[in-house]
Every structure is written in structure tokens, then in C-alpha cells.
Amino acid sequence: MVQEIMLIDVKPGTEQEFENAFKKAAVIVSSAKGCLGYELHRCMEQENKYLVFIKWETVEDHVTGFKNSTDYQEMKSLIGPYYLHVPHAGHYEKVD
């Protein structure tokens, strides 16, 4: 299992719209092959800053499967308009 973590800054004043759009986008991503769940966290100090955690069975499920799908394009069209800039993302695995 890998964890995709994204830091997203949304345009100030669009936080509620982003959260509503993310709920719709989450339905799409959660149905993707290999997706094991997701969480959206809002920053306490800066209300337009968010962390997104998505668990994937493998990196390939995300990078090769989901990111090359029409579902990814649909998800991006829902939440992308709210981005202040392209989000920083990475894949992480638990260290024992």
C-alpha cells in the first residue's frame, strides 16, 4: 500500500466551492482500480490550504491506471479550477 499526499492551495474565497467539488471528485477517485480510500484535511492556520491523502494498492494503480483515464480528467475538471497553482504531490510508503 502507498499513500499519495498532495498539498493543495486553493484560490482564497473559494474554499467552500472547492470542498463541494472535492466531494464529487472523491466519488470518482474512490471507484478507481486500486484506490483504498481518501481523506481531505483543511489547514487550521491558512483556510485555503488543504492536504489530500489517497491510499493506493500500488503506485502504478495511480500513475499508470488512474492518471491515464477519462475519470482522472473528469476529477481534474471538477477541482482544478480552484487551484491557486499546480499541487505538489508525492507517493509515500510506511517505514517499519
PDB file of N, CA and C in Angstrom:
ATOM      1  N   MET A   1       0.835  -1.172   0.000  1.00  0.00           N
ATOM      2  CA  MET A   1       0.000   0.000   0.000  1.00  0.00           C
ATOM      3  C   MET A   1       0.879   1.234   0.000  1.00  0.00           C
ATOM      4  N   VAL A   2       0.493   2.230  -0.804  1.00  0.00           N
ATOM      5  CA  VAL A   2       1.192   3.504  -0.852  1.00  0.00           C
ATOM      6  C   VAL A   2       0.201   4.618  -0.573  1.00  0.00           C
ATOM      7  N   GLN A   3       0.736   5.707  -0.085  1.00  0.00           N
ATOM      8  CA  GLN A   3      -0.085   6.879   0.237  1.00  0.00           C
ATOM      9  C   GLN A   3       0.317   8.009  -0.704  1.00  0.00           C
ATOM     10  N   GLU A   4      -0.624   8.488  -1.471  1.00  0.00           N
ATOM     11  CA  GLU A   4      -0.410   9.694  -2.265  1.00  0.00           C
ATOM     12  C   GLU A   4      -0.771  10.868  -1.371  1.00  0.00           C
ATOM     13  N   ILE A   5       0.117  11.835  -1.281  1.00  0.00           N
ATOM     14  CA  ILE A   5      -0.143  13.016  -0.457  1.00  0.00           C
ATOM     15  C   ILE A   5       0.017  14.246  -1.343  1.00  0.00           C
ATOM     16  N   MET A   6      -1.009  15.091  -1.334  1.00  0.00           N
ATOM     17  CA  MET A   6      -0.989  16.325  -2.119  1.00  0.00           C
ATOM     18  C   MET A   6      -1.207  17.513  -1.205  1.00  0.00           C
ATOM     19  N   LEU A   7      -0.433  18.558  -1.428  1.00  0.00           N
ATOM     20  CA  LEU A   7      -0.645  19.831  -0.766  1.00  0.00           C
ATOM     21  C   LEU A   7      -1.310  20.740  -1.785  1.00  0.00           C
ATOM     22  N   ILE A   8      -2.523  21.193  -1.469  1.00  0.00           N
ATOM     23  CA  ILE A   8      -3.302  21.999  -2.404  1.00  0.00           C
ATOM     24  C   ILE A   8      -3.592  23.355  -1.785  1.00  0.00           C
ATOM     25  N   ASP A   9      -3.223  24.414  -2.507  1.00  0.00           N
ATOM     26  CA  ASP A   9      -3.625  25.771  -2.148  1.00  0.00           C
ATOM     27  C   ASP A   9      -4.727  26.162  -3.119  1.00  0.00           C
ATOM     28  N   VAL A  10      -5.891  26.522  -2.575  1.00  0.00           N
ATOM     29  CA  VAL A  10      -6.984  26.949  -3.441  1.00  0.00           C
ATOM     30  C   VAL A  10      -7.066  28.468  -3.445  1.00  0.00           C
ATOM     31  N   LYS A  11      -7.713  28.983  -4.453  1.00  0.00           N
ATOM     32  CA  LYS A  11      -7.879  30.431  -4.561  1.00  0.00           C
ATOM     33  C   LYS A  11      -8.643  30.927  -3.338  1.00  0.00           C
ATOM     34  N   PRO A  12      -8.109  31.939  -2.645  1.00  0.00           N
ATOM     35  CA  PRO A  12      -8.799  32.459  -1.462  1.00  0.00           C
ATOM     36  C   PRO A  12     -10.245  32.852  -1.789  1.00  0.00           C
ATOM     37  N   GLY A  13     -11.136  32.477  -0.892  1.00  0.00           N
ATOM     38  CA  GLY A  13     -12.558  32.761  -1.079  1.00  0.00           C
ATOM     39  C   GLY A  13     -13.325  31.654  -1.778  1.00  0.00           C
ATOM     40  N   THR A  14     -12.621  30.609  -2.244  1.00  0.00           N
ATOM     41  CA  THR A  14     -13.301  29.516  -2.955  1.00  0.00           C
ATOM     42  C   THR A  14     -13.279  28.216  -2.151  1.00  0.00           C
ATOM     43  N   GLU A  15     -12.965  28.310  -0.870  1.00  0.00           N
ATOM     44  CA  GLU A  15     -12.795  27.107  -0.055  1.00  0.00           C
ATOM     45  C   GLU A  15     -14.043  26.228  -0.042  1.00  0.00           C
ATOM     46  N   GLN A  16     -15.209  26.822   0.171  1.00  0.00           N
ATOM     47  CA  GLN A  16     -16.438  26.020   0.249  1.00  0.00           C
ATOM     48  C   GLN A  16     -16.758  25.380  -1.091  1.00  0.00           C
ATOM     49  N   GLU A  17     -16.562  26.127  -2.173  1.00  0.00           N
ATOM     50  CA  GLU A  17     -16.800  25.573  -3.505  1.00  0.00           C
ATOM     51  C   GLU A  17     -15.841  24.420  -3.785  1.00  0.00           C
ATOM     52  N   PHE A  18     -14.568  24.593  -3.388  1.00  0.00           N
ATOM     53  CA  PHE A  18     -13.595  23.517  -3.568  1.00  0.00           C
ATOM     54  C   PHE A  18     -14.020  22.271  -2.797  1.00  0.00           C
ATOM     55  N   GLU A  19     -14.418  22.445  -1.538  1.00  0.00           N
ATOM     56  CA  GLU A  19     -14.825  21.295  -0.729  1.00  0.00           C
ATOM     57  C   GLU A  19     -16.024  20.583  -1.343  1.00  0.00           C
ATOM     58  N   ASN A  20     -16.969  21.345  -1.868  1.00  0.00           N
ATOM     59  CA  ASN A  20     -18.133  20.733  -2.530  1.00  0.00           C
ATOM     60  C   ASN A  20     -17.712  19.975  -3.784  1.00  0.00           C
ATOM     61  N   ALA A  21     -16.816  20.569  -4.573  1.00  0.00           N
ATOM     62  CA  ALA A  21     -16.327  19.907  -5.784  1.00  0.00           C
ATOM     63  C   ALA A  21     -15.509  18.673  -5.426  1.00  0.00           C
ATOM     64  N   PHE A  22     -14.748  18.745  -4.323  1.00  0.00           N
ATOM     65  CA  PHE A  22     -13.936  17.599  -3.920  1.00  0.00           C
ATOM     66  C   PHE A  22     -14.827  16.409  -3.563  1.00  0.00           C
ATOM     67  N   LYS A  23     -15.972  16.657  -2.952  1.00  0.00           N
ATOM     68  CA  LYS A  23     -16.893  15.552  -2.625  1.00  0.00           C
ATOM     69  C   LYS A  23     -17.302  14.808  -3.896  1.00  0.00           C
ATOM     70  N   LYS A  24     -17.561  15.545  -4.966  1.00  0.00           N
ATOM     71  CA  LYS A  24     -17.926  14.919  -6.243  1.00  0.00           C
ATOM     72  C   LYS A  24     -16.723  14.187  -6.842  1.00  0.00           C
ATOM     73  N   ALA A  25     -15.553  14.829  -6.779  1.00  0.00           N
ATOM     74  CA  ALA A  25     -14.334  14.221  -7.321  1.00  0.00           C
ATOM     75  C   ALA A  25     -13.960  12.962  -6.546  1.00  0.00           C
ATOM     76  N   ALA A  26     -14.217  12.959  -5.250  1.00  0.00           N
ATOM     77  CA  ALA A  26     -13.877  11.806  -4.409  1.00  0.00           C
ATOM     78  C   ALA A  26     -14.668  10.562  -4.805  1.00  0.00           C
ATOM     79  N   VAL A  27     -15.881  10.748  -5.266  1.00  0.00           N
ATOM     80  CA  VAL A  27     -16.681   9.612  -5.743  1.00  0.00           C
ATOM     81  C   VAL A  27     -15.976   8.965  -6.931  1.00  0.00           C
ATOM     82  N   ILE A  28     -15.405   9.790  -7.789  1.00  0.00           N
ATOM     83  CA  ILE A  28     -14.717   9.290  -8.974  1.00  0.00           C
ATOM     84  C   ILE A  28     -13.444   8.542  -8.585  1.00  0.00           C
ATOM     85  N   VAL A  29     -12.598   9.186  -7.784  1.00  0.00           N
ATOM     86  CA  VAL A  29     -11.320   8.568  -7.437  1.00  0.00           C
ATOM     87  C   VAL A  29     -11.516   7.312  -6.599  1.00  0.00           C
ATOM     88  N   SER A  30     -12.502   7.312  -5.721  1.00  0.00           N
ATOM     89  CA  SER A  30     -12.695   6.149  -4.849  1.00  0.00           C
ATOM     90  C   SER A  30     -13.164   4.917  -5.615  1.00  0.00           C
ATOM     91  N   SER A  31     -13.688   5.105  -6.827  1.00  0.00           N
ATOM     92  CA  SER A  31     -14.109   3.958  -7.636  1.00  0.00           C
ATOM     93  C   SER A  31     -12.991   3.458  -8.557  1.00  0.00           C
ATOM     94  N   ALA A  32     -11.841   4.136  -8.535  1.00  0.00           N
ATOM     95  CA  ALA A  32     -10.726   3.741  -9.397  1.00  0.00           C
ATOM     96  C   ALA A  32     -10.105   2.437  -8.913  1.00  0.00           C
ATOM     97  N   LYS A  33      -9.605   1.646  -9.868  1.00  0.00           N
ATOM     98  CA  LYS A  33      -8.917   0.400  -9.532  1.00  0.00           C
ATOM     99  C   LYS A  33      -7.731   0.706  -8.625  1.00  0.00           C
ATOM    100  N   GLY A  34      -7.657   0.008  -7.511  1.00  0.00           N
ATOM    101  CA  GLY A  34      -6.538   0.152  -6.594  1.00  0.00           C
ATOM    102  C   GLY A  34      -6.701   1.221  -5.537  1.00  0.00           C
ATOM    103  N   CYS A  35      -7.737   2.037  -5.624  1.00  0.00           N
ATOM    104  CA  CYS A  35      -7.948   3.069  -4.605  1.00  0.00           C
ATOM    105  C   CYS A  35      -8.526   2.418  -3.350  1.00  0.00           C
ATOM    106  N   LEU A  36      -7.875   2.682  -2.229  1.00  0.00           N
ATOM    107  CA  LEU A  36      -8.282   2.082  -0.957  1.00  0.00           C
ATOM    108  C   LEU A  36      -8.919   3.086  -0.001  1.00  0.00           C
ATOM    109  N   GLY A  37      -9.041   4.333  -0.416  1.00  0.00           N
ATOM    110  CA  GLY A  37      -9.667   5.340   0.425  1.00  0.00           C
ATOM    111  C   GLY A  37      -8.958   6.675   0.316  1.00  0.00           C
ATOM    112  N   TYR A  38      -9.576   7.698   0.876  1.00  0.00           N
ATOM    113  CA  TYR A  38      -9.048   9.059   0.778  1.00  0.00           C
ATOM    114  C   TYR A  38      -9.461   9.858   2.006  1.00  0.00           C
ATOM    115  N   GLU A  39      -8.757  10.964   2.221  1.00  0.00           N
ATOM    116  CA  GLU A  39      -9.103  11.934   3.268  1.00  0.00           C
ATOM    117  C   GLU A  39      -8.743  13.317   2.758  1.00  0.00           C
ATOM    118  N   LEU A  40      -9.554  14.304   3.126  1.00  0.00           N
ATOM    119  CA  LEU A  40      -9.288  15.711   2.845  1.00  0.00           C
ATOM    120  C   LEU A  40      -9.144  16.420   4.180  1.00  0.00           C
ATOM    121  N   HIS A  41      -8.037  17.168   4.341  1.00  0.00           N
ATOM    122  CA  HIS A  41      -7.780  17.900   5.587  1.00  0.00           C
ATOM    123  C   HIS A  41      -7.581  19.376   5.265  1.00  0.00           C
ATOM    124  N   ARG A  42      -8.239  20.253   6.038  1.00  0.00           N
ATOM    125  CA  ARG A  42      -8.084  21.695   5.887  1.00  0.00           C
ATOM    126  C   ARG A  42      -7.090  22.202   6.923  1.00  0.00           C
ATOM    127  N   CYS A  43      -6.203  23.096   6.512  1.00  0.00           N
ATOM    128  CA  CYS A  43      -5.218  23.684   7.412  1.00  0.00           C
ATOM    129  C   CYS A  43      -5.913  24.609   8.408  1.00  0.00           C
ATOM    130  N   MET A  44      -5.514  24.543   9.641  1.00  0.00           N
ATOM    131  CA  MET A  44      -6.100  25.372  10.695  1.00  0.00           C
ATOM    132  C   MET A  44      -5.602  26.823  10.617  1.00  0.00           C
ATOM    133  N   GLU A  45      -4.375  27.011  10.160  1.00  0.00           N
ATOM    134  CA  GLU A  45      -3.794  28.351  10.131  1.00  0.00           C
ATOM    135  C   GLU A  45      -4.084  29.117   8.834  1.00  0.00           C
ATOM    136  N   GLN A  46      -4.216  28.403   7.740  1.00  0.00           N
ATOM    137  CA  GLN A  46      -4.494  29.024   6.444  1.00  0.00           C
ATOM    138  C   GLN A  46      -5.670  28.302   5.820  1.00  0.00           C
ATOM    139  N   GLU A  47      -6.836  28.923   5.827  1.00  0.00           N
ATOM    140  CA  GLU A  47      -8.047  28.207   5.426  1.00  0.00           C
ATOM    141  C   GLU A  47      -8.105  27.837   3.948  1.00  0.00           C
ATOM    142  N   ASN A  48      -7.204  28.369   3.125  1.00  0.00           N
ATOM    143  CA  ASN A  48      -7.219  27.979   1.711  1.00  0.00           C
ATOM    144  C   ASN A  48      -6.189  26.888   1.402  1.00  0.00           C
ATOM    145  N   LYS A  49      -5.606  26.272   2.424  1.00  0.00           N
ATOM    146  CA  LYS A  49      -4.589  25.232   2.249  1.00  0.00           C
ATOM    147  C   LYS A  49      -5.165  23.885   2.694  1.00  0.00           C
ATOM    148  N   TYR A  50      -4.964  22.856   1.870  1.00  0.00           N
ATOM    149  CA  TYR A  50      -5.508  21.525   2.133  1.00  0.00           C
ATOM    150  C   TYR A  50      -4.439  20.459   1.927  1.00  0.00           C
ATOM    151  N   LEU A  51      -4.608  19.356   2.627  1.00  0.00           N
ATOM    152  CA  LEU A  51      -3.847  18.134   2.376  1.00  0.00           C
ATOM    153  C   LEU A  51      -4.837  17.069   1.931  1.00  0.00           C
ATOM    154  N   VAL A  52      -4.467  16.330   0.903  1.00  0.00           N
ATOM    155  CA  VAL A  52      -5.277  15.213   0.425  1.00  0.00           C
ATOM    156  C   VAL A  52      -4.432  13.954   0.573  1.00  0.00           C
ATOM    157  N   PHE A  53      -5.009  12.937   1.184  1.00  0.00           N
ATOM    158  CA  PHE A  53      -4.369  11.637   1.346  1.00  0.00           C
ATOM    159  C   PHE A  53      -5.203  10.622   0.576  1.00  0.00           C
ATOM    160  N   ILE A  54      -4.573   9.919  -0.353  1.00  0.00           N
ATOM    161  CA  ILE A  54      -5.260   8.857  -1.087  1.00  0.00           C
ATOM    162  C   ILE A  54      -4.417   7.600  -0.977  1.00  0.00           C
ATOM    163  N   LYS A  55      -5.036   6.524  -0.498  1.00  0.00           N
ATOM    164  CA  LYS A  55      -4.336   5.236  -0.392  1.00  0.00           C
ATOM    165  C   LYS A  55      -4.565   4.448  -1.673  1.00  0.00           C
ATOM    166  N   TRP A  56      -3.446   3.926  -2.200  1.00  0.00           N
ATOM    167  CA  TRP A  56      -3.471   3.109  -3.410  1.00  0.00           C
ATOM    168  C   TRP A  56      -2.817   1.767  -3.114  1.00  0.00           C
ATOM    169  N   GLU A  57      -3.287   0.733  -3.785  1.00  0.00           N
ATOM    170  CA  GLU A  57      -2.639  -0.575  -3.651  1.00  0.00           C
ATOM    171  C   GLU A  57      -1.207  -0.496  -4.163  1.00  0.00           C
ATOM    172  N   THR A  58      -1.004   0.168  -5.328  1.00  0.00           N
ATOM    173  CA  THR A  58       0.328   0.321  -5.907  1.00  0.00           C
ATOM    174  C   THR A  58       0.453   1.719  -6.523  1.00  0.00           C
ATOM    175  N   VAL A  59       1.675   2.162  -6.708  1.00  0.00           N
ATOM    176  CA  VAL A  59       1.912   3.434  -7.408  1.00  0.00           C
ATOM    177  C   VAL A  59       1.367   3.346  -8.831  1.00  0.00           C
ATOM    178  N   GLU A  60       1.534   2.186  -9.454  1.00  0.00           N
ATOM    179  CA  GLU A  60       1.067   2.008 -10.829  1.00  0.00           C
ATOM    180  C   GLU A  60      -0.445   2.176 -10.947  1.00  0.00           C
ATOM    181  N   ASP A  61      -1.201   1.734  -9.933  1.00  0.00           N
ATOM    182  CA  ASP A  61      -2.654   1.929  -9.975  1.00  0.00           C
ATOM    183  C   ASP A  61      -2.989   3.410 -10.121  1.00  0.00           C
ATOM    184  N   HIS A  62      -2.212   4.246  -9.477  1.00  0.00           N
ATOM    185  CA  HIS A  62      -2.450   5.690  -9.559  1.00  0.00           C
ATOM    186  C   HIS A  62      -1.865   6.283 -10.835  1.00  0.00           C
ATOM    187  N   VAL A  63      -0.556   6.099 -11.031  1.00  0.00           N
ATOM    188  CA  VAL A  63       0.157   6.783 -12.111  1.00  0.00           C
ATOM    189  C   VAL A  63      -0.197   6.238 -13.486  1.00  0.00           C
ATOM    190  N   THR A  64      -0.197   4.929 -13.638  1.00  0.00           N
ATOM    191  CA  THR A  64      -0.459   4.325 -14.938  1.00  0.00           C
ATOM    192  C   THR A  64      -1.953   4.142 -15.181  1.00  0.00           C
ATOM    193  N   GLY A  65      -2.657   3.688 -14.167  1.00  0.00           N
ATOM    194  CA  GLY A  65      -4.083   3.415 -14.335  1.00  0.00           C
ATOM    195  C   GLY A  65      -4.942   4.669 -14.270  1.00  0.00           C
ATOM    196  N   PHE A  66      -5.046   5.257 -13.100  1.00  0.00           N
ATOM    197  CA  PHE A  66      -5.980   6.366 -12.900  1.00  0.00           C
ATOM    198  C   PHE A  66      -5.599   7.618 -13.681  1.00  0.00           C
ATOM    199  N   LYS A  67      -4.334   8.005 -13.650  1.00  0.00           N
ATOM    200  CA  LYS A  67      -3.939   9.266 -14.296  1.00  0.00           C
ATOM    201  C   LYS A  67      -4.058   9.213 -15.818  1.00  0.00           C
ATOM    202  N   ASN A  68      -4.168   8.021 -16.390  1.00  0.00           N
ATOM    203  CA  ASN A  68      -4.349   7.890 -17.835  1.00  0.00           C
ATOM    204  C   ASN A  68      -5.800   7.624 -18.223  1.00  0.00           C
ATOM    205  N   SER A  69      -6.704   7.846 -17.281  1.00  0.00           N
ATOM    206  CA  SER A  69      -8.119   7.536 -17.535  1.00  0.00           C
ATOM    207  C   SER A  69      -8.943   8.806 -17.768  1.00  0.00           C
ATOM    208  N   THR A  70     -10.104   8.605 -18.374  1.00  0.00           N
ATOM    209  CA  THR A  70     -11.034   9.723 -18.534  1.00  0.00           C
ATOM    210  C   THR A  70     -11.598  10.145 -17.177  1.00  0.00           C
ATOM    211  N   ASP A  71     -11.650   9.207 -16.224  1.00  0.00           N
ATOM    212  CA  ASP A  71     -12.103   9.559 -14.872  1.00  0.00           C
ATOM    213  C   ASP A  71     -11.175  10.592 -14.244  1.00  0.00           C
ATOM    214  N   TYR A  72      -9.874  10.455 -14.468  1.00  0.00           N
ATOM    215  CA  TYR A  72      -8.913  11.431 -13.946  1.00  0.00           C
ATOM    216  C   TYR A  72      -9.185  12.814 -14.541  1.00  0.00           C
ATOM    217  N   GLN A  73      -9.422  12.863 -15.838  1.00  0.00           N
ATOM    218  CA  GLN A  73      -9.710  14.148 -16.488  1.00  0.00           C
ATOM    219  C   GLN A  73     -10.984  14.777 -15.915  1.00  0.00           C
ATOM    220  N   GLU A  74     -11.983  13.942 -15.652  1.00  0.00           N
ATOM    221  CA  GLU A  74     -13.231  14.446 -15.068  1.00  0.00           C
ATOM    222  C   GLU A  74     -12.987  14.984 -13.662  1.00  0.00           C
ATOM    223  N   MET A  75     -12.222  14.237 -12.858  1.00  0.00           N
ATOM    224  CA  MET A  75     -11.911  14.685 -11.499  1.00  0.00           C
ATOM    225  C   MET A  75     -11.158  16.014 -11.537  1.00  0.00           C
ATOM    226  N   LYS A  76     -10.172  16.091 -12.429  1.00  0.00           N
ATOM    227  CA  LYS A  76      -9.363  17.304 -12.554  1.00  0.00           C
ATOM    228  C   LYS A  76     -10.220  18.502 -12.989  1.00  0.00           C
ATOM    229  N   SER A  77     -11.206  18.260 -13.838  1.00  0.00           N
ATOM    230  CA  SER A  77     -12.069  19.358 -14.289  1.00  0.00           C
ATOM    231  C   SER A  77     -12.964  19.869 -13.152  1.00  0.00           C
ATOM    232  N   LEU A  78     -13.240  19.001 -12.182  1.00  0.00           N
ATOM    233  CA  LEU A  78     -14.063  19.418 -11.044  1.00  0.00           C
ATOM    234  C   LEU A  78     -13.289  20.265 -10.030  1.00  0.00           C
ATOM    235  N   ILE A  79     -12.075  19.842  -9.702  1.00  0.00           N
ATOM    236  CA  ILE A  79     -11.347  20.541  -8.640  1.00  0.00           C
ATOM    237  C   ILE A  79     -10.243  21.462  -9.157  1.00  0.00           C
ATOM    238  N   GLY A  80      -9.768  21.233 -10.362  1.00  0.00           N
ATOM    239  CA  GLY A  80      -8.681  22.035 -10.924  1.00  0.00           C
ATOM    240  C   GLY A  80      -8.944  23.531 -10.985  1.00  0.00           C
ATOM    241  N   PRO A  81     -10.155  23.969 -11.308  1.00  0.00           N
ATOM    242  CA  PRO A  81     -10.406  25.407 -11.380  1.00  0.00           C
ATOM    243  C   PRO A  81     -10.178  26.165 -10.066  1.00  0.00           C
ATOM    244  N   TYR A  82     -10.122  25.461  -8.966  1.00  0.00           N
ATOM    245  CA  TYR A  82      -9.950  26.100  -7.660  1.00  0.00           C
ATOM    246  C   TYR A  82      -8.485  26.192  -7.233  1.00  0.00           C
ATOM    247  N   TYR A  83      -7.583  25.512  -7.956  1.00  0.00           N
ATOM    248  CA  TYR A  83      -6.163  25.523  -7.591  1.00  0.00           C
ATOM    249  C   TYR A  83      -5.570  26.918  -7.751  1.00  0.00           C
ATOM    250  N   LEU A  84      -4.813  27.342  -6.768  1.00  0.00           N
ATOM    251  CA  LEU A  84      -4.041  28.574  -6.864  1.00  0.00           C
ATOM    252  C   LEU A  84      -2.833  28.328  -7.767  1.00  0.00           C
ATOM    253  N   HIS A  85      -2.274  27.121  -7.698  1.00  0.00           N
ATOM    254  CA  HIS A  85      -1.181  26.657  -8.555  1.00  0.00           C
ATOM    255  C   HIS A  85      -1.224  25.137  -8.568  1.00  0.00           C
ATOM    256  N   VAL A  86      -0.447  24.532  -9.427  1.00  0.00           N
ATOM    257  CA  VAL A  86      -0.437  23.070  -9.539  1.00  0.00           C
ATOM    258  C   VAL A  86      -0.003  22.479  -8.193  1.00  0.00           C
ATOM    259  N   PRO A  87      -0.787  21.541  -7.649  1.00  0.00           N
ATOM    260  CA  PRO A  87      -0.456  20.957  -6.341  1.00  0.00           C
ATOM    261  C   PRO A  87       0.847  20.165  -6.351  1.00  0.00           C
ATOM    262  N   HIS A  88       1.528  20.188  -5.218  1.00  0.00           N
ATOM    263  CA  HIS A  88       2.697  19.350  -5.027  1.00  0.00           C
ATOM    264  C   HIS A  88       2.208  17.991  -4.534  1.00  0.00           C
ATOM    265  N   ALA A  89       2.647  16.915  -5.153  1.00  0.00           N
ATOM    266  CA  ALA A  89       2.199  15.564  -4.776  1.00  0.00           C
ATOM    267  C   ALA A  89       3.375  14.607  -4.733  1.00  0.00           C
ATOM    268  N   GLY A  90       3.214  13.562  -3.939  1.00  0.00           N
ATOM    269  CA  GLY A  90       4.214  12.515  -3.851  1.00  0.00           C
ATOM    270  C   GLY A  90       3.596  11.226  -3.349  1.00  0.00           C
ATOM    271  N   HIS A  91       4.317  10.129  -3.535  1.00  0.00           N
ATOM    272  CA  HIS A  91       3.883   8.809  -3.061  1.00  0.00           C
ATOM    273  C   HIS A  91       4.780   8.387  -1.913  1.00  0.00           C
ATOM    274  N   TYR A  92       4.176   7.880  -0.852  1.00  0.00           N
ATOM    275  CA  TYR A  92       4.919   7.521   0.350  1.00  0.00           C
ATOM    276  C   TYR A  92       4.515   6.127   0.791  1.00  0.00           C
ATOM    277  N   GLU A  93       5.489   5.441   1.397  1.00  0.00           N
ATOM    278  CA  GLU A  93       5.207   4.139   1.974  1.00  0.00           C
ATOM    279  C   GLU A  93       5.645   4.149   3.442  1.00  0.00           C
ATOM    280  N   LYS A  94       4.973   3.365   4.236  1.00  0.00           N
ATOM    281  CA  LYS A  94       5.263   3.283   5.661  1.00  0.00           C
ATOM    282  C   LYS A  94       6.609   2.608   5.882  1.00  0.00           C
ATOM    283  N   VAL A  95       7.373   3.159   6.789  1.00  0.00           N
ATOM    284  CA  VAL A  95       8.665   2.599   7.153  1.00  0.00           C
ATOM    285  C   VAL A  95       8.485   1.861   8.469  1.00  0.00           C
ATOM    286  N   ASP A  96       8.883   0.597   8.502  1.00  0.00           N
ATOM    287  CA  ASP A  96       8.754  -0.195   9.728  1.00  0.00           C
ATOM    288  C   ASP A  96       9.901   0.046  10.666  1.00  0.00           C
TER     289      ASP A  96
END
